[in-house]
Amino acid sequence: FPENEIISGIAFIAVSRESYGTVN
């Protein structure tokens, strides 16, 4: 996608998906 802007992101977080639809 040479015409589109690319934004690079880095998350610093302790998080997990325990099950579908549930995040801790």
PDB file of all heavy atoms in Angstrom:
ATOM      1  N   PHE A   1       0.843  -1.203   0.000  1.00  0.00           N
ATOM      2  CA  PHE A   1       0.000   0.000   0.000  1.00  0.00           C
ATOM      3  C   PHE A   1       0.879   1.254   0.000  1.00  0.00           C
ATOM      4  O   PHE A   1       0.915   2.012   0.970  1.00  0.00           O
ATOM      5  CB  PHE A   1      -0.929  -0.016   1.215  1.00  0.00           C
ATOM      6  CG  PHE A   1      -1.803  -1.237   1.301  1.00  0.00           C
ATOM      7  CD1 PHE A   1      -1.471  -2.290   2.152  1.00  0.00           C
ATOM      8  CD2 PHE A   1      -2.945  -1.346   0.531  1.00  0.00           C
ATOM      9  CE1 PHE A   1      -2.263  -3.422   2.229  1.00  0.00           C
ATOM     10  CE2 PHE A   1      -3.744  -2.476   0.589  1.00  0.00           C
ATOM     11  CZ  PHE A   1      -3.409  -3.527   1.442  1.00  0.00           C
ATOM     12  N   PRO A   2       1.600   1.484  -1.101  1.00  0.00           N
ATOM     13  CA  PRO A   2       2.559   2.593  -1.132  1.00  0.00           C
ATOM     14  C   PRO A   2       1.912   3.975  -1.024  1.00  0.00           C
ATOM     15  O   PRO A   2       2.595   4.945  -0.671  1.00  0.00           O
ATOM     16  CB  PRO A   2       3.256   2.406  -2.483  1.00  0.00           C
ATOM     17  CG  PRO A   2       2.273   1.647  -3.323  1.00  0.00           C
ATOM     18  CD  PRO A   2       1.574   0.735  -2.375  1.00  0.00           C
ATOM     19  N   GLU A   3       0.629   4.081  -1.321  1.00  0.00           N
ATOM     20  CA  GLU A   3      -0.051   5.375  -1.259  1.00  0.00           C
ATOM     21  C   GLU A   3      -0.689   5.638   0.099  1.00  0.00           C
ATOM     22  O   GLU A   3      -1.214   6.734   0.336  1.00  0.00           O
ATOM     23  CB  GLU A   3      -1.126   5.446  -2.358  1.00  0.00           C
ATOM     24  CG  GLU A   3      -0.596   5.234  -3.770  1.00  0.00           C
ATOM     25  CD  GLU A   3       0.481   6.234  -4.140  1.00  0.00           C
ATOM     26  OE1 GLU A   3       0.327   7.434  -3.802  1.00  0.00           O
ATOM     27  OE2 GLU A   3       1.486   5.823  -4.778  1.00  0.00           O
ATOM     28  N   ASN A   4      -0.693   4.639   0.961  1.00  0.00           N
ATOM     29  CA  ASN A   4      -1.318   4.794   2.282  1.00  0.00           C
ATOM     30  C   ASN A   4      -0.267   4.984   3.365  1.00  0.00           C
ATOM     31  O   ASN A   4       0.834   4.436   3.294  1.00  0.00           O
ATOM     32  CB  ASN A   4      -2.183   3.576   2.616  1.00  0.00           C
ATOM     33  CG  ASN A   4      -3.410   3.470   1.733  1.00  0.00           C
ATOM     34  OD1 ASN A   4      -3.350   2.903   0.651  1.00  0.00           O
ATOM     35  ND2 ASN A   4      -4.512   4.023   2.195  1.00  0.00           N
ATOM     36  N   GLU A   5      -0.644   5.735   4.362  1.00  0.00           N
ATOM     37  CA  GLU A   5       0.265   5.967   5.475  1.00  0.00           C
ATOM     38  C   GLU A   5       0.330   4.732   6.369  1.00  0.00           C
ATOM     39  O   GLU A   5      -0.696   4.100   6.654  1.00  0.00           O
ATOM     40  CB  GLU A   5      -0.223   7.165   6.279  1.00  0.00           C
ATOM     41  CG  GLU A   5       0.745   7.605   7.355  1.00  0.00           C
ATOM     42  CD  GLU A   5       0.382   8.959   7.936  1.00  0.00           C
ATOM     43  OE1 GLU A   5      -0.307   9.738   7.257  1.00  0.00           O
ATOM     44  OE2 GLU A   5       0.799   9.228   9.073  1.00  0.00           O
ATOM     45  N   ILE A   6       1.518   4.382   6.792  1.00  0.00           N
ATOM     46  CA  ILE A   6       1.726   3.279   7.732  1.00  0.00           C
ATOM     47  C   ILE A   6       2.154   3.872   9.065  1.00  0.00           C
ATOM     48  O   ILE A   6       3.121   4.632   9.140  1.00  0.00           O
ATOM     49  CB  ILE A   6       2.801   2.286   7.242  1.00  0.00           C
ATOM     50  CG1 ILE A   6       2.512   1.808   5.814  1.00  0.00           C
ATOM     51  CG2 ILE A   6       2.914   1.105   8.202  1.00  0.00           C
ATOM     52  CD1 ILE A   6       1.255   1.006   5.645  1.00  0.00           C
ATOM     53  N   ILE A   7       1.422   3.522  10.118  1.00  0.00           N
ATOM     54  CA  ILE A   7       1.756   3.947  11.482  1.00  0.00           C
ATOM     55  C   ILE A   7       2.144   2.703  12.262  1.00  0.00           C
ATOM     56  O   ILE A   7       1.404   1.720  12.298  1.00  0.00           O
ATOM     57  CB  ILE A   7       0.577   4.663  12.161  1.00  0.00           C
ATOM     58  CG1 ILE A   7       0.181   5.913  11.360  1.00  0.00           C
ATOM     59  CG2 ILE A   7       0.929   5.037  13.604  1.00  0.00           C
ATOM     60  CD1 ILE A   7      -1.076   6.595  11.865  1.00  0.00           C
ATOM     61  N   SER A   8       3.311   2.732  12.861  1.00  0.00           N
ATOM     62  CA  SER A   8       3.812   1.589  13.614  1.00  0.00           C
ATOM     63  C   SER A   8       3.586   1.841  15.102  1.00  0.00           C
ATOM     64  O   SER A   8       3.943   2.903  15.622  1.00  0.00           O
ATOM     65  CB  SER A   8       5.300   1.382  13.322  1.00  0.00           C
ATOM     66  OG  SER A   8       5.738   0.122  13.760  1.00  0.00           O
ATOM     67  N   GLY A   9       2.973   0.867  15.778  1.00  0.00           N
ATOM     68  CA  GLY A   9       2.637   1.031  17.188  1.00  0.00           C
ATOM     69  C   GLY A   9       3.178  -0.099  18.047  1.00  0.00           C
ATOM     70  O   GLY A   9       3.238  -1.252  17.620  1.00  0.00           O
ATOM     71  N   ILE A  10       3.581   0.258  19.249  1.00  0.00           N
ATOM     72  CA  ILE A  10       4.146  -0.721  20.187  1.00  0.00           C
ATOM     73  C   ILE A  10       3.413  -0.593  21.510  1.00  0.00           C
ATOM     74  O   ILE A  10       3.359   0.495  22.105  1.00  0.00           O
ATOM     75  CB  ILE A  10       5.646  -0.475  20.407  1.00  0.00           C
ATOM     76  CG1 ILE A  10       6.369  -0.389  19.055  1.00  0.00           C
ATOM     77  CG2 ILE A  10       6.255  -1.576  21.269  1.00  0.00           C
ATOM     78  CD1 ILE A  10       7.698   0.315  19.135  1.00  0.00           C
ATOM     79  N   ALA A  11       2.841  -1.689  21.958  1.00  0.00           N
ATOM     80  CA  ALA A  11       2.082  -1.688  23.204  1.00  0.00           C
ATOM     81  C   ALA A  11       2.964  -2.138  24.361  1.00  0.00           C
ATOM     82  O   ALA A  11       3.701  -3.118  24.255  1.00  0.00           O
ATOM     83  CB  ALA A  11       0.874  -2.615  23.090  1.00  0.00           C
ATOM     84  N   PHE A  12       2.880  -1.428  25.471  1.00  0.00           N
ATOM     85  CA  PHE A  12       3.556  -1.814  26.716  1.00  0.00           C
ATOM     86  C   PHE A  12       2.455  -2.086  27.730  1.00  0.00           C
ATOM     87  O   PHE A  12       1.944  -1.170  28.387  1.00  0.00           O
ATOM     88  CB  PHE A  12       4.479  -0.697  27.188  1.00  0.00           C
ATOM     89  CG  PHE A  12       5.603  -0.407  26.240  1.00  0.00           C
ATOM     90  CD1 PHE A  12       5.425   0.460  25.175  1.00  0.00           C
ATOM     91  CD2 PHE A  12       6.839  -1.014  26.399  1.00  0.00           C
ATOM     92  CE1 PHE A  12       6.449   0.727  24.289  1.00  0.00           C
ATOM     93  CE2 PHE A  12       7.871  -0.758  25.510  1.00  0.00           C
ATOM     94  CZ  PHE A  12       7.678   0.114  24.455  1.00  0.00           C
ATOM     95  N   ILE A  13       2.070  -3.347  27.848  1.00  0.00           N
ATOM     96  CA  ILE A  13       0.897  -3.684  28.638  1.00  0.00           C
ATOM     97  C   ILE A  13       0.963  -5.147  29.047  1.00  0.00           C
ATOM     98  O   ILE A  13       1.442  -5.995  28.296  1.00  0.00           O
ATOM     99  CB  ILE A  13      -0.389  -3.407  27.818  1.00  0.00           C
ATOM    100  CG1 ILE A  13      -1.638  -3.604  28.676  1.00  0.00           C
ATOM    101  CG2 ILE A  13      -0.433  -4.257  26.561  1.00  0.00           C
ATOM    102  CD1 ILE A  13      -2.913  -3.095  28.014  1.00  0.00           C
ATOM    103  N   ALA A  14       0.500  -5.436  30.257  1.00  0.00           N
ATOM    104  CA  ALA A  14       0.341  -6.819  30.725  1.00  0.00           C
ATOM    105  C   ALA A  14      -1.136  -7.149  30.613  1.00  0.00           C
ATOM    106  O   ALA A  14      -1.945  -6.732  31.447  1.00  0.00           O
ATOM    107  CB  ALA A  14       0.834  -6.964  32.163  1.00  0.00           C
ATOM    108  N   VAL A  15      -1.490  -7.866  29.574  1.00  0.00           N
ATOM    109  CA  VAL A  15      -2.894  -8.133  29.283  1.00  0.00           C
ATOM    110  C   VAL A  15      -3.004  -9.486  28.602  1.00  0.00           C
ATOM    111  O   VAL A  15      -2.093  -9.911  27.892  1.00  0.00           O
ATOM    112  CB  VAL A  15      -3.480  -7.009  28.389  1.00  0.00           C
ATOM    113  CG1 VAL A  15      -2.837  -7.007  27.018  1.00  0.00           C
ATOM    114  CG2 VAL A  15      -4.991  -7.078  28.287  1.00  0.00           C
ATOM    115  N   SER A  16      -4.103 -10.186  28.822  1.00  0.00           N
ATOM    116  CA  SER A  16      -4.292 -11.487  28.197  1.00  0.00           C
ATOM    117  C   SER A  16      -5.773 -11.719  27.924  1.00  0.00           C
ATOM    118  O   SER A  16      -6.635 -11.182  28.624  1.00  0.00           O
ATOM    119  CB  SER A  16      -3.749 -12.615  29.089  1.00  0.00           C
ATOM    120  OG  SER A  16      -4.440 -12.661  30.324  1.00  0.00           O
ATOM    121  N   ARG A  17      -6.042 -12.497  26.901  1.00  0.00           N
ATOM    122  CA  ARG A  17      -7.420 -12.902  26.633  1.00  0.00           C
ATOM    123  C   ARG A  17      -7.648 -14.245  27.295  1.00  0.00           C
ATOM    124  O   ARG A  17      -7.067 -15.250  26.907  1.00  0.00           O
ATOM    125  CB  ARG A  17      -7.701 -12.991  25.128  1.00  0.00           C
ATOM    126  CG  ARG A  17      -9.165 -13.321  24.832  1.00  0.00           C
ATOM    127  CD  ARG A  17      -9.485 -13.238  23.348  1.00  0.00           C
ATOM    128  NE  ARG A  17      -8.869 -14.314  22.591  1.00  0.00           N
ATOM    129  CZ  ARG A  17      -9.075 -14.518  21.285  1.00  0.00           C
ATOM    130  NH1 ARG A  17      -9.845 -13.679  20.607  1.00  0.00           N
ATOM    131  NH2 ARG A  17      -8.483 -15.502  20.661  1.00  0.00           N
ATOM    132  N   GLU A  18      -8.501 -14.268  28.317  1.00  0.00           N
ATOM    133  CA  GLU A  18      -8.726 -15.493  29.076  1.00  0.00           C
ATOM    134  C   GLU A  18      -9.646 -16.445  28.334  1.00  0.00           C
ATOM    135  O   GLU A  18      -9.537 -17.664  28.479  1.00  0.00           O
ATOM    136  CB  GLU A  18      -9.303 -15.151  30.450  1.00  0.00           C
ATOM    137  CG  GLU A  18      -8.339 -14.340  31.302  1.00  0.00           C
ATOM    138  CD  GLU A  18      -8.812 -14.150  32.717  1.00  0.00           C
ATOM    139  OE1 GLU A  18     -10.010 -14.369  32.971  1.00  0.00           O
ATOM    140  OE2 GLU A  18      -7.987 -13.784  33.570  1.00  0.00           O
ATOM    141  N   SER A  19     -10.585 -15.900  27.576  1.00  0.00           N
ATOM    142  CA  SER A  19     -11.492 -16.691  26.763  1.00  0.00           C
ATOM    143  C   SER A  19     -12.104 -15.748  25.734  1.00  0.00           C
ATOM    144  O   SER A  19     -11.916 -14.527  25.800  1.00  0.00           O
ATOM    145  CB  SER A  19     -12.591 -17.338  27.618  1.00  0.00           C
ATOM    146  OG  SER A  19     -13.358 -16.345  28.289  1.00  0.00           O
ATOM    147  N   TYR A  20     -12.833 -16.284  24.779  1.00  0.00           N
ATOM    148  CA  TYR A  20     -13.473 -15.427  23.796  1.00  0.00           C
ATOM    149  C   TYR A  20     -14.378 -14.425  24.516  1.00  0.00           C
ATOM    150  O   TYR A  20     -15.250 -14.788  25.295  1.00  0.00           O
ATOM    151  CB  TYR A  20     -14.309 -16.240  22.823  1.00  0.00           C
ATOM    152  CG  TYR A  20     -13.506 -17.132  21.906  1.00  0.00           C
ATOM    153  CD1 TYR A  20     -14.078 -18.254  21.317  1.00  0.00           C
ATOM    154  CD2 TYR A  20     -12.170 -16.862  21.613  1.00  0.00           C
ATOM    155  CE1 TYR A  20     -13.356 -19.074  20.468  1.00  0.00           C
ATOM    156  CE2 TYR A  20     -11.442 -17.671  20.773  1.00  0.00           C
ATOM    157  CZ  TYR A  20     -12.037 -18.779  20.204  1.00  0.00           C
ATOM    158  OH  TYR A  20     -11.315 -19.585  19.372  1.00  0.00           O
ATOM    159  N   GLY A  21     -14.137 -13.142  24.245  1.00  0.00           N
ATOM    160  CA  GLY A  21     -14.975 -12.110  24.833  1.00  0.00           C
ATOM    161  C   GLY A  21     -14.596 -11.691  26.233  1.00  0.00           C
ATOM    162  O   GLY A  21     -15.298 -10.895  26.848  1.00  0.00           O
ATOM    163  N   THR A  22     -13.450 -12.176  26.748  1.00  0.00           N
ATOM    164  CA  THR A  22     -13.016 -11.815  28.102  1.00  0.00           C
ATOM    165  C   THR A  22     -11.523 -11.508  28.100  1.00  0.00           C
ATOM    166  O   THR A  22     -10.712 -12.341  27.692  1.00  0.00           O
ATOM    167  CB  THR A  22     -13.298 -12.944  29.113  1.00  0.00           C
ATOM    168  OG1 THR A  22     -14.686 -13.264  29.099  1.00  0.00           O
ATOM    169  CG2 THR A  22     -12.910 -12.511  30.515  1.00  0.00           C
ATOM    170  N   VAL A  23     -11.172 -10.299  28.564  1.00  0.00           N
ATOM    171  CA  VAL A  23      -9.776  -9.851  28.591  1.00  0.00           C
ATOM    172  C   VAL A  23      -9.419  -9.432  30.011  1.00  0.00           C
ATOM    173  O   VAL A  23     -10.222  -8.805  30.704  1.00  0.00           O
ATOM    174  CB  VAL A  23      -9.571  -8.671  27.611  1.00  0.00           C
ATOM    175  CG1 VAL A  23      -8.224  -8.006  27.823  1.00  0.00           C
ATOM    176  CG2 VAL A  23      -9.714  -9.147  26.167  1.00  0.00           C
ATOM    177  N   ASN A  24      -8.216  -9.784  30.430  1.00  0.00           N
ATOM    178  CA  ASN A  24      -7.735  -9.425  31.765  1.00  0.00           C
ATOM    179  C   ASN A  24      -6.536  -8.490  31.633  1.00  0.00           C
ATOM    180  O   ASN A  24      -5.481  -8.874  31.126  1.00  0.00           O
ATOM    181  CB  ASN A  24      -7.343 -10.688  32.541  1.00  0.00           C
ATOM    182  CG  ASN A  24      -6.952 -10.385  33.969  1.00  0.00           C
ATOM    183  OD1 ASN A  24      -7.325  -9.343  34.520  1.00  0.00           O
ATOM    184  ND2 ASN A  24      -6.214 -11.292  34.592  1.00  0.00           N
TER     185      ASN A  24
END
